[in-house]
Amino acid sequence: HSKGNISVVGIAGPGDPFANADKTITTIDLVRKKYPDII
């Protein structure tokens, strides 16, 4: 809402996404459901 030009959502830490796999996959699930077309 603030930026208006966000085309990409990334997960890059600050540790490793798959050392925190539950949180990473849960976040991906939430983002994909609400923003199905975002990169």
Full PDB file with SEQRES, HELIX, SHEET, SSBOND, CRYST1, ORIGX, SCALE, CONECT and MASTER records, all heavy atoms in Angstrom:
SEQRES   1 A   39  HIS SER LYS GLY ASN ILE SER VAL VAL GLY ILE ALA GLY          
SEQRES   2 A   39  PRO GLY ASP PRO PHE ALA ASN ALA ASP LYS THR ILE THR          
SEQRES   3 A   39  THR ILE ASP LEU VAL ARG LYS LYS TYR PRO ASP ILE ILE          
HELIX    1 AA1 PRO A   17  ALA A   19  5                                   3    
HELIX    2 AA2 ALA A   21  LYS A   34  1                                  14    
CRYST1    1.000    1.000    1.000  90.00  90.00  90.00 P 1           1          
ORIGX1      1.000000  0.000000  0.000000        0.00000                         
ORIGX2      0.000000  1.000000  0.000000        0.00000                         
ORIGX3      0.000000  0.000000  1.000000        0.00000                         
SCALE1      1.000000  0.000000  0.000000        0.00000                         
SCALE2      0.000000  1.000000  0.000000        0.00000                         
SCALE3      0.000000  0.000000  1.000000        0.00000                         
ATOM      1  N   HIS A   1       0.833  -1.207   0.000  1.00  0.00           N  
ATOM      2  CA  HIS A   1       0.000   0.000   0.000  1.00  0.00           C  
ATOM      3  C   HIS A   1       0.866   1.254   0.000  1.00  0.00           C  
ATOM      4  O   HIS A   1       0.544   2.253  -0.671  1.00  0.00           O  
ATOM      5  CB  HIS A   1      -0.913  -0.002   1.226  1.00  0.00           C  
ATOM      6  CG  HIS A   1      -1.823   1.192   1.285  1.00  0.00           C  
ATOM      7  ND1 HIS A   1      -1.506   2.337   2.003  1.00  0.00           N  
ATOM      8  CD2 HIS A   1      -3.037   1.421   0.713  1.00  0.00           C  
ATOM      9  CE1 HIS A   1      -2.480   3.208   1.863  1.00  0.00           C  
ATOM     10  NE2 HIS A   1      -3.419   2.685   1.097  1.00  0.00           N  
ATOM     11  N   SER A   2       2.007   1.230   0.723  1.00  0.00           N  
ATOM     12  CA  SER A   2       2.861   2.418   0.847  1.00  0.00           C  
ATOM     13  C   SER A   2       3.688   2.674  -0.399  1.00  0.00           C  
ATOM     14  O   SER A   2       3.790   3.806  -0.868  1.00  0.00           O  
ATOM     15  CB  SER A   2       3.785   2.256   2.061  1.00  0.00           C  
ATOM     16  OG  SER A   2       4.740   3.296   2.116  1.00  0.00           O  
ATOM     17  N   LYS A   3       4.281   1.613  -0.945  1.00  0.00           N  
ATOM     18  CA  LYS A   3       5.226   1.781  -2.057  1.00  0.00           C  
ATOM     19  C   LYS A   3       4.541   1.829  -3.419  1.00  0.00           C  
ATOM     20  O   LYS A   3       4.911   2.627  -4.279  1.00  0.00           O  
ATOM     21  CB  LYS A   3       6.253   0.639  -2.030  1.00  0.00           C  
ATOM     22  CG  LYS A   3       7.168   0.643  -0.803  1.00  0.00           C  
ATOM     23  CD  LYS A   3       8.160   1.786  -0.862  1.00  0.00           C  
ATOM     24  CE  LYS A   3       9.132   1.729   0.305  1.00  0.00           C  
ATOM     25  NZ  LYS A   3      10.113   2.842   0.287  1.00  0.00           N  
ATOM     26  N   GLY A   4       3.617   0.906  -3.637  1.00  0.00           N  
ATOM     27  CA  GLY A   4       2.882   0.915  -4.898  1.00  0.00           C  
ATOM     28  C   GLY A   4       3.599   0.309  -6.081  1.00  0.00           C  
ATOM     29  O   GLY A   4       2.994   0.163  -7.154  1.00  0.00           O  
ATOM     30  N   ASN A   5       4.890  -0.039  -5.943  1.00  0.00           N  
ATOM     31  CA  ASN A   5       5.621  -0.572  -7.092  1.00  0.00           C  
ATOM     32  C   ASN A   5       6.318  -1.897  -6.762  1.00  0.00           C  
ATOM     33  O   ASN A   5       7.304  -2.270  -7.399  1.00  0.00           O  
ATOM     34  CB  ASN A   5       6.670   0.440  -7.571  1.00  0.00           C  
ATOM     35  CG  ASN A   5       7.756   0.702  -6.522  1.00  0.00           C  
ATOM     36  OD1 ASN A   5       7.601   0.351  -5.351  1.00  0.00           O  
ATOM     37  ND2 ASN A   5       8.851   1.319  -6.946  1.00  0.00           N  
ATOM     38  N   ILE A   6       5.818  -2.615  -5.750  1.00  0.00           N  
ATOM     39  CA  ILE A   6       6.445  -3.868  -5.344  1.00  0.00           C  
ATOM     40  C   ILE A   6       5.994  -4.991  -6.271  1.00  0.00           C  
ATOM     41  O   ILE A   6       4.799  -5.304  -6.361  1.00  0.00           O  
ATOM     42  CB  ILE A   6       6.085  -4.216  -3.885  1.00  0.00           C  
ATOM     43  CG1 ILE A   6       6.595  -3.134  -2.933  1.00  0.00           C  
ATOM     44  CG2 ILE A   6       6.641  -5.589  -3.505  1.00  0.00           C  
ATOM     45  CD1 ILE A   6       8.105  -2.969  -2.928  1.00  0.00           C  
ATOM     46  N   SER A   7       6.937  -5.582  -6.967  1.00  0.00           N  
ATOM     47  CA  SER A   7       6.621  -6.691  -7.876  1.00  0.00           C  
ATOM     48  C   SER A   7       7.163  -8.015  -7.390  1.00  0.00           C  
ATOM     49  O   SER A   7       6.760  -9.069  -7.889  1.00  0.00           O  
ATOM     50  CB  SER A   7       7.195  -6.402  -9.276  1.00  0.00           C  
ATOM     51  OG  SER A   7       8.620  -6.321  -9.232  1.00  0.00           O  
ATOM     52  N   VAL A   8       8.080  -7.980  -6.407  1.00  0.00           N  
ATOM     53  CA  VAL A   8       8.752  -9.200  -5.955  1.00  0.00           C  
ATOM     54  C   VAL A   8       8.735  -9.294  -4.439  1.00  0.00           C  
ATOM     55  O   VAL A   8       9.028  -8.315  -3.743  1.00  0.00           O  
ATOM     56  CB  VAL A   8      10.226  -9.241  -6.433  1.00  0.00           C  
ATOM     57  CG1 VAL A   8      10.921 -10.522  -5.949  1.00  0.00           C  
ATOM     58  CG2 VAL A   8      10.313  -9.139  -7.945  1.00  0.00           C  
ATOM     59  N   VAL A   9       8.399 -10.471  -3.912  1.00  0.00           N  
ATOM     60  CA  VAL A   9       8.498 -10.773  -2.492  1.00  0.00           C  
ATOM     61  C   VAL A   9       9.519 -11.888  -2.328  1.00  0.00           C  
ATOM     62  O   VAL A   9       9.416 -12.933  -2.982  1.00  0.00           O  
ATOM     63  CB  VAL A   9       7.145 -11.222  -1.906  1.00  0.00           C  
ATOM     64  CG1 VAL A   9       7.307 -11.635  -0.448  1.00  0.00           C  
ATOM     65  CG2 VAL A   9       6.121 -10.104  -2.038  1.00  0.00           C  
ATOM     66  N   GLY A  10      10.514 -11.656  -1.464  1.00  0.00           N  
ATOM     67  CA  GLY A  10      11.560 -12.651  -1.271  1.00  0.00           C  
ATOM     68  C   GLY A  10      11.737 -13.009   0.191  1.00  0.00           C  
ATOM     69  O   GLY A  10      11.421 -12.227   1.088  1.00  0.00           O  
ATOM     70  N   ILE A  11      12.233 -14.217   0.432  1.00  0.00           N  
ATOM     71  CA  ILE A  11      12.636 -14.644   1.775  1.00  0.00           C  
ATOM     72  C   ILE A  11      14.107 -15.023   1.690  1.00  0.00           C  
ATOM     73  O   ILE A  11      14.474 -15.938   0.952  1.00  0.00           O  
ATOM     74  CB  ILE A  11      11.800 -15.828   2.273  1.00  0.00           C  
ATOM     75  CG1 ILE A  11      10.321 -15.434   2.334  1.00  0.00           C  
ATOM     76  CG2 ILE A  11      12.286 -16.295   3.644  1.00  0.00           C  
ATOM     77  CD1 ILE A  11       9.402 -16.567   2.734  1.00  0.00           C  
ATOM     78  N   ALA A  12      14.936 -14.272   2.429  1.00  0.00           N  
ATOM     79  CA  ALA A  12      16.382 -14.448   2.313  1.00  0.00           C  
ATOM     80  C   ALA A  12      17.069 -14.389   3.672  1.00  0.00           C  
ATOM     81  O   ALA A  12      18.196 -13.938   3.780  1.00  0.00           O  
ATOM     82  CB  ALA A  12      16.967 -13.382   1.379  1.00  0.00           C  
ATOM     83  N   GLY A  13      16.381 -14.823   4.724  1.00  0.00           N  
ATOM     84  CA  GLY A  13      17.048 -14.831   6.015  1.00  0.00           C  
ATOM     85  C   GLY A  13      16.329 -13.999   7.063  1.00  0.00           C  
ATOM     86  O   GLY A  13      15.106 -13.888   7.027  1.00  0.00           O  
ATOM     87  N   PRO A  14      17.162 -13.468   7.979  1.00  0.00           N  
ATOM     88  CA  PRO A  14      18.612 -13.255   7.962  1.00  0.00           C  
ATOM     89  C   PRO A  14      19.449 -14.518   8.167  1.00  0.00           C  
ATOM     90  O   PRO A  14      20.671 -14.473   8.026  1.00  0.00           O  
ATOM     91  CB  PRO A  14      18.839 -12.276   9.109  1.00  0.00           C  
ATOM     92  CG  PRO A  14      17.710 -12.541  10.045  1.00  0.00           C  
ATOM     93  CD  PRO A  14      16.541 -12.872   9.184  1.00  0.00           C  
ATOM     94  N   GLY A  15      18.811 -15.645   8.535  1.00  0.00           N  
ATOM     95  CA  GLY A  15      19.510 -16.924   8.578  1.00  0.00           C  
ATOM     96  C   GLY A  15      19.322 -17.621   7.253  1.00  0.00           C  
ATOM     97  O   GLY A  15      19.523 -17.038   6.190  1.00  0.00           O  
ATOM     98  N   ASP A  16      18.905 -18.881   7.288  1.00  0.00           N  
ATOM     99  CA  ASP A  16      18.596 -19.589   6.047  1.00  0.00           C  
ATOM    100  C   ASP A  16      17.133 -20.015   6.073  1.00  0.00           C  
ATOM    101  O   ASP A  16      16.652 -20.557   7.079  1.00  0.00           O  
ATOM    102  CB  ASP A  16      19.475 -20.823   5.876  1.00  0.00           C  
ATOM    103  CG  ASP A  16      19.271 -21.449   4.508  1.00  0.00           C  
ATOM    104  OD1 ASP A  16      19.902 -20.980   3.541  1.00  0.00           O  
ATOM    105  OD2 ASP A  16      18.451 -22.389   4.387  1.00  0.00           O  
ATOM    106  N   PRO A  17      16.390 -19.778   4.983  1.00  0.00           N  
ATOM    107  CA  PRO A  17      14.973 -20.106   4.968  1.00  0.00           C  
ATOM    108  C   PRO A  17      14.654 -21.552   5.339  1.00  0.00           C  
ATOM    109  O   PRO A  17      13.604 -21.822   5.940  1.00  0.00           O  
ATOM    110  CB  PRO A  17      14.565 -19.797   3.520  1.00  0.00           C  
ATOM    111  CG  PRO A  17      15.489 -18.701   3.121  1.00  0.00           C  
ATOM    112  CD  PRO A  17      16.806 -19.056   3.767  1.00  0.00           C  
ATOM    113  N   PHE A  18      15.558 -22.484   5.003  1.00  0.00           N  
ATOM    114  CA  PHE A  18      15.236 -23.887   5.252  1.00  0.00           C  
ATOM    115  C   PHE A  18      15.898 -24.429   6.518  1.00  0.00           C  
ATOM    116  O   PHE A  18      15.802 -25.623   6.809  1.00  0.00           O  
ATOM    117  CB  PHE A  18      15.562 -24.714   4.012  1.00  0.00           C  
ATOM    118  CG  PHE A  18      14.756 -24.255   2.840  1.00  0.00           C  
ATOM    119  CD1 PHE A  18      15.343 -23.523   1.818  1.00  0.00           C  
ATOM    120  CD2 PHE A  18      13.390 -24.470   2.794  1.00  0.00           C  
ATOM    121  CE1 PHE A  18      14.585 -23.052   0.761  1.00  0.00           C  
ATOM    122  CE2 PHE A  18      12.624 -23.997   1.747  1.00  0.00           C  
ATOM    123  CZ  PHE A  18      13.223 -23.289   0.719  1.00  0.00           C  
ATOM    124  N   ALA A  19      16.514 -23.539   7.285  1.00  0.00           N  
ATOM    125  CA  ALA A  19      16.822 -23.831   8.679  1.00  0.00           C  
ATOM    126  C   ALA A  19      15.641 -23.388   9.539  1.00  0.00           C  
ATOM    127  O   ALA A  19      15.616 -23.609  10.744  1.00  0.00           O  
ATOM    128  CB  ALA A  19      18.099 -23.108   9.116  1.00  0.00           C  
ATOM    129  N   ASN A  20      14.689 -22.727   8.895  1.00  0.00           N  
ATOM    130  CA  ASN A  20      13.444 -22.243   9.513  1.00  0.00           C  
ATOM    131  C   ASN A  20      12.295 -22.624   8.590  1.00  0.00           C  
ATOM    132  O   ASN A  20      11.447 -21.796   8.241  1.00  0.00           O  
ATOM    133  CB  ASN A  20      13.479 -20.728   9.689  1.00  0.00           C  
ATOM    134  CG  ASN A  20      14.707 -20.209  10.386  1.00  0.00           C  
ATOM    135  OD1 ASN A  20      14.686 -19.915  11.569  1.00  0.00           O  
ATOM    136  ND2 ASN A  20      15.810 -20.076   9.665  1.00  0.00           N  
ATOM    137  N   ALA A  21      12.266 -23.882   8.167  1.00  0.00           N  
ATOM    138  CA  ALA A  21      11.389 -24.284   7.073  1.00  0.00           C  
ATOM    139  C   ALA A  21       9.909 -24.062   7.371  1.00  0.00           C  
ATOM    140  O   ALA A  21       9.154 -23.633   6.491  1.00  0.00           O  
ATOM    141  CB  ALA A  21      11.644 -25.754   6.731  1.00  0.00           C  
ATOM    142  N   ASP A  22       9.474 -24.341   8.595  1.00  0.00           N  
ATOM    143  CA  ASP A  22       8.058 -24.168   8.918  1.00  0.00           C  
ATOM    144  C   ASP A  22       7.617 -22.719   8.727  1.00  0.00           C  
ATOM    145  O   ASP A  22       6.564 -22.442   8.139  1.00  0.00           O  
ATOM    146  CB  ASP A  22       7.779 -24.614  10.362  1.00  0.00           C  
ATOM    147  CG  ASP A  22       7.872 -26.122  10.531  1.00  0.00           C  
ATOM    148  OD1 ASP A  22       7.879 -26.824   9.505  1.00  0.00           O  
ATOM    149  OD2 ASP A  22       7.947 -26.581  11.680  1.00  0.00           O  
ATOM    150  N   LYS A  23       8.434 -21.794   9.230  1.00  0.00           N  
ATOM    151  CA  LYS A  23       8.092 -20.378   9.092  1.00  0.00           C  
ATOM    152  C   LYS A  23       8.153 -19.942   7.632  1.00  0.00           C  
ATOM    153  O   LYS A  23       7.320 -19.151   7.170  1.00  0.00           O  
ATOM    154  CB  LYS A  23       9.035 -19.524   9.936  1.00  0.00           C  
ATOM    155  CG  LYS A  23       8.848 -19.710  11.435  1.00  0.00           C  
ATOM    156  CD  LYS A  23       9.743 -18.767  12.214  1.00  0.00           C  
ATOM    157  CE  LYS A  23       9.524 -18.925  13.713  1.00  0.00           C  
ATOM    158  NZ  LYS A  23      10.327 -17.975  14.510  1.00  0.00           N  
ATOM    159  N   THR A  24       9.136 -20.456   6.908  1.00  0.00           N  
ATOM    160  CA  THR A  24       9.283 -20.083   5.498  1.00  0.00           C  
ATOM    161  C   THR A  24       8.094 -20.556   4.675  1.00  0.00           C  
ATOM    162  O   THR A  24       7.492 -19.772   3.924  1.00  0.00           O  
ATOM    163  CB  THR A  24      10.586 -20.673   4.938  1.00  0.00           C  
ATOM    164  OG1 THR A  24      11.704 -20.100   5.624  1.00  0.00           O  
ATOM    165  CG2 THR A  24      10.721 -20.396   3.449  1.00  0.00           C  
ATOM    166  N   ILE A  25       7.738 -21.832   4.808  1.00  0.00           N  
ATOM    167  CA  ILE A  25       6.636 -22.379   4.020  1.00  0.00           C  
ATOM    168  C   ILE A  25       5.313 -21.745   4.423  1.00  0.00           C  
ATOM    169  O   ILE A  25       4.460 -21.445   3.575  1.00  0.00           O  
ATOM    170  CB  ILE A  25       6.575 -23.909   4.162  1.00  0.00           C  
ATOM    171  CG1 ILE A  25       7.865 -24.549   3.619  1.00  0.00           C  
ATOM    172  CG2 ILE A  25       5.365 -24.464   3.425  1.00  0.00           C  
ATOM    173  CD1 ILE A  25       8.170 -24.248   2.168  1.00  0.00           C  
ATOM    174  N   THR A  26       5.112 -21.499   5.722  1.00  0.00           N  
ATOM    175  CA  THR A  26       3.886 -20.840   6.171  1.00  0.00           C  
ATOM    176  C   THR A  26       3.768 -19.441   5.571  1.00  0.00           C  
ATOM    177  O   THR A  26       2.692 -19.029   5.113  1.00  0.00           O  
ATOM    178  CB  THR A  26       3.855 -20.749   7.707  1.00  0.00           C  
ATOM    179  OG1 THR A  26       3.881 -22.060   8.263  1.00  0.00           O  
ATOM    180  CG2 THR A  26       2.601 -20.028   8.188  1.00  0.00           C  
ATOM    181  N   THR A  27       4.892 -18.702   5.555  1.00  0.00           N  
ATOM    182  CA  THR A  27       4.888 -17.351   4.980  1.00  0.00           C  
ATOM    183  C   THR A  27       4.582 -17.398   3.489  1.00  0.00           C  
ATOM    184  O   THR A  27       3.779 -16.604   2.971  1.00  0.00           O  
ATOM    185  CB  THR A  27       6.241 -16.668   5.214  1.00  0.00           C  
ATOM    186  OG1 THR A  27       6.529 -16.646   6.617  1.00  0.00           O  
ATOM    187  CG2 THR A  27       6.233 -15.243   4.683  1.00  0.00           C  
ATOM    188  N   ILE A  28       5.210 -18.329   2.790  1.00  0.00           N  
ATOM    189  CA  ILE A  28       4.963 -18.480   1.350  1.00  0.00           C  
ATOM    190  C   ILE A  28       3.492 -18.774   1.095  1.00  0.00           C  
ATOM    191  O   ILE A  28       2.872 -18.201   0.182  1.00  0.00           O  
ATOM    192  CB  ILE A  28       5.861 -19.599   0.773  1.00  0.00           C  
ATOM    193  CG1 ILE A  28       7.316 -19.140   0.735  1.00  0.00           C  
ATOM    194  CG2 ILE A  28       5.384 -20.006  -0.626  1.00  0.00           C  
ATOM    195  CD1 ILE A  28       8.292 -20.233   0.359  1.00  0.00           C  
ATOM    196  N   ASP A  29       2.909 -19.657   1.901  1.00  0.00           N  
ATOM    197  CA  ASP A  29       1.497 -20.018   1.751  1.00  0.00           C  
ATOM    198  C   ASP A  29       0.597 -18.799   1.938  1.00  0.00           C  
ATOM    199  O   ASP A  29      -0.321 -18.547   1.140  1.00  0.00           O  
ATOM    200  CB  ASP A  29       1.144 -21.107   2.767  1.00  0.00           C  
ATOM    201  CG  ASP A  29      -0.306 -21.545   2.663  1.00  0.00           C  
ATOM    202  OD1 ASP A  29      -0.658 -22.202   1.670  1.00  0.00           O  
ATOM    203  OD2 ASP A  29      -1.092 -21.204   3.577  1.00  0.00           O  
ATOM    204  N   LEU A  30       0.863 -18.023   2.979  1.00  0.00           N  
ATOM    205  CA  LEU A  30       0.048 -16.839   3.254  1.00  0.00           C  
ATOM    206  C   LEU A  30       0.155 -15.811   2.125  1.00  0.00           C  
ATOM    207  O   LEU A  30      -0.854 -15.231   1.691  1.00  0.00           O  
ATOM    208  CB  LEU A  30       0.484 -16.207   4.575  1.00  0.00           C  
ATOM    209  CG  LEU A  30       0.183 -17.005   5.852  1.00  0.00           C  
ATOM    210  CD1 LEU A  30       0.875 -16.351   7.049  1.00  0.00           C  
ATOM    211  CD2 LEU A  30      -1.314 -17.097   6.087  1.00  0.00           C  
ATOM    212  N   VAL A  31       1.382 -15.589   1.656  1.00  0.00           N  
ATOM    213  CA  VAL A  31       1.601 -14.593   0.601  1.00  0.00           C  
ATOM    214  C   VAL A  31       0.951 -15.035  -0.706  1.00  0.00           C  
ATOM    215  O   VAL A  31       0.274 -14.245  -1.378  1.00  0.00           O  
ATOM    216  CB  VAL A  31       3.107 -14.338   0.394  1.00  0.00           C  
ATOM    217  CG1 VAL A  31       3.342 -13.450  -0.819  1.00  0.00           C  
ATOM    218  CG2 VAL A  31       3.717 -13.693   1.647  1.00  0.00           C  
ATOM    219  N   ARG A  32       1.140 -16.306  -1.061  1.00  0.00           N  
ATOM    220  CA  ARG A  32       0.615 -16.780  -2.339  1.00  0.00           C  
ATOM    221  C   ARG A  32      -0.914 -16.733  -2.358  1.00  0.00           C  
ATOM    222  O   ARG A  32      -1.526 -16.408  -3.384  1.00  0.00           O  
ATOM    223  CB  ARG A  32       1.117 -18.198  -2.612  1.00  0.00           C  
ATOM    224  CG  ARG A  32       0.670 -18.792  -3.935  1.00  0.00           C  
ATOM    225  CD  ARG A  32       0.992 -17.878  -5.113  1.00  0.00           C  
ATOM    226  NE  ARG A  32       2.370 -17.984  -5.559  1.00  0.00           N  
ATOM    227  CZ  ARG A  32       3.043 -16.973  -6.109  1.00  0.00           C  
ATOM    228  NH1 ARG A  32       2.465 -15.786  -6.236  1.00  0.00           N  
ATOM    229  NH2 ARG A  32       4.279 -17.139  -6.532  1.00  0.00           N  
ATOM    230  N   LYS A  33      -1.553 -17.039  -1.215  1.00  0.00           N  
ATOM    231  CA  LYS A  33      -3.019 -17.006  -1.167  1.00  0.00           C  
ATOM    232  C   LYS A  33      -3.554 -15.584  -1.324  1.00  0.00           C  
ATOM    233  O   LYS A  33      -4.566 -15.361  -1.987  1.00  0.00           O  
ATOM    234  CB  LYS A  33      -3.506 -17.606   0.152  1.00  0.00           C  
ATOM    235  CG  LYS A  33      -3.395 -19.123   0.204  1.00  0.00           C  
ATOM    236  CD  LYS A  33      -3.818 -19.672   1.545  1.00  0.00           C  
ATOM    237  CE  LYS A  33      -3.737 -21.194   1.574  1.00  0.00           C  
ATOM    238  NZ  LYS A  33      -4.063 -21.734   2.925  1.00  0.00           N  
ATOM    239  N   LYS A  34      -2.879 -14.606  -0.729  1.00  0.00           N  
ATOM    240  CA  LYS A  34      -3.387 -13.238  -0.790  1.00  0.00           C  
ATOM    241  C   LYS A  34      -2.905 -12.495  -2.034  1.00  0.00           C  
ATOM    242  O   LYS A  34      -3.610 -11.613  -2.547  1.00  0.00           O  
ATOM    243  CB  LYS A  34      -2.973 -12.467   0.462  1.00  0.00           C  
ATOM    244  CG  LYS A  34      -3.623 -11.091   0.535  1.00  0.00           C  
ATOM    245  CD  LYS A  34      -3.640 -10.532   1.932  1.00  0.00           C  
ATOM    246  CE  LYS A  34      -4.458  -9.261   2.005  1.00  0.00           C  
ATOM    247  NZ  LYS A  34      -4.507  -8.693   3.356  1.00  0.00           N  
ATOM    248  N   TYR A  35      -1.704 -12.854  -2.518  1.00  0.00           N  
ATOM    249  CA  TYR A  35      -1.141 -12.188  -3.699  1.00  0.00           C  
ATOM    250  C   TYR A  35      -0.778 -13.251  -4.736  1.00  0.00           C  
ATOM    251  O   TYR A  35       0.399 -13.546  -4.970  1.00  0.00           O  
ATOM    252  CB  TYR A  35       0.098 -11.382  -3.313  1.00  0.00           C  
ATOM    253  CG  TYR A  35      -0.177 -10.245  -2.350  1.00  0.00           C  
ATOM    254  CD1 TYR A  35      -0.055 -10.422  -0.970  1.00  0.00           C  
ATOM    255  CD2 TYR A  35      -0.559  -8.992  -2.816  1.00  0.00           C  
ATOM    256  CE1 TYR A  35      -0.317  -9.380  -0.088  1.00  0.00           C  
ATOM    257  CE2 TYR A  35      -0.827  -7.947  -1.945  1.00  0.00           C  
ATOM    258  CZ  TYR A  35      -0.698  -8.147  -0.577  1.00  0.00           C  
ATOM    259  OH  TYR A  35      -0.951  -7.112   0.293  1.00  0.00           O  
ATOM    260  N   PRO A  36      -1.779 -13.849  -5.378  1.00  0.00           N  
ATOM    261  CA  PRO A  36      -1.524 -14.983  -6.280  1.00  0.00           C  
ATOM    262  C   PRO A  36      -0.654 -14.656  -7.488  1.00  0.00           C  
ATOM    263  O   PRO A  36      -0.025 -15.553  -8.052  1.00  0.00           O  
ATOM    264  CB  PRO A  36      -2.933 -15.407  -6.710  1.00  0.00           C  
ATOM    265  CG  PRO A  36      -3.787 -14.195  -6.485  1.00  0.00           C  
ATOM    266  CD  PRO A  36      -3.208 -13.517  -5.292  1.00  0.00           C  
ATOM    267  N   ASP A  37      -0.598 -13.385  -7.880  1.00  0.00           N  
ATOM    268  CA  ASP A  37       0.144 -13.028  -9.088  1.00  0.00           C  
ATOM    269  C   ASP A  37       1.514 -12.408  -8.811  1.00  0.00           C  
ATOM    270  O   ASP A  37       2.243 -12.081  -9.748  1.00  0.00           O  
ATOM    271  CB  ASP A  37      -0.671 -12.038  -9.929  1.00  0.00           C  
ATOM    272  CG  ASP A  37      -1.979 -12.646 -10.399  1.00  0.00           C  
ATOM    273  OD1 ASP A  37      -1.991 -13.856 -10.679  1.00  0.00           O  
ATOM    274  OD2 ASP A  37      -2.983 -11.916 -10.469  1.00  0.00           O  
ATOM    275  N   ILE A  38       1.867 -12.257  -7.536  1.00  0.00           N  
ATOM    276  CA  ILE A  38       3.139 -11.599  -7.230  1.00  0.00           C  
ATOM    277  C   ILE A  38       4.305 -12.552  -7.471  1.00  0.00           C  
ATOM    278  O   ILE A  38       4.161 -13.780  -7.344  1.00  0.00           O  
ATOM    279  CB  ILE A  38       3.149 -11.070  -5.780  1.00  0.00           C  
ATOM    280  CG1 ILE A  38       4.126  -9.896  -5.646  1.00  0.00           C  
ATOM    281  CG2 ILE A  38       3.504 -12.197  -4.784  1.00  0.00           C  
ATOM    282  CD1 ILE A  38       3.865  -9.042  -4.417  1.00  0.00           C  
ATOM    283  N   ILE A  39       5.437 -12.008  -7.848  1.00  0.00           N  
ATOM    284  CA  ILE A  39       6.643 -12.815  -8.031  1.00  0.00           C  
ATOM    285  C   ILE A  39       7.178 -13.166  -6.648  1.00  0.00           C  
ATOM    286  O   ILE A  39       7.392 -12.288  -5.820  1.00  0.00           O  
ATOM    287  CB  ILE A  39       7.705 -12.043  -8.840  1.00  0.00           C  
ATOM    288  CG1 ILE A  39       7.170 -11.696 -10.232  1.00  0.00           C  
ATOM    289  CG2 ILE A  39       8.986 -12.853  -8.953  1.00  0.00           C  
ATOM    290  CD1 ILE A  39       8.085 -10.785 -11.032  1.00  0.00           C  
TER     291      ILE A  39                                                      
MASTER        0    0    0    2    0    0    0    6  290    1    0    3          
END                                                                             
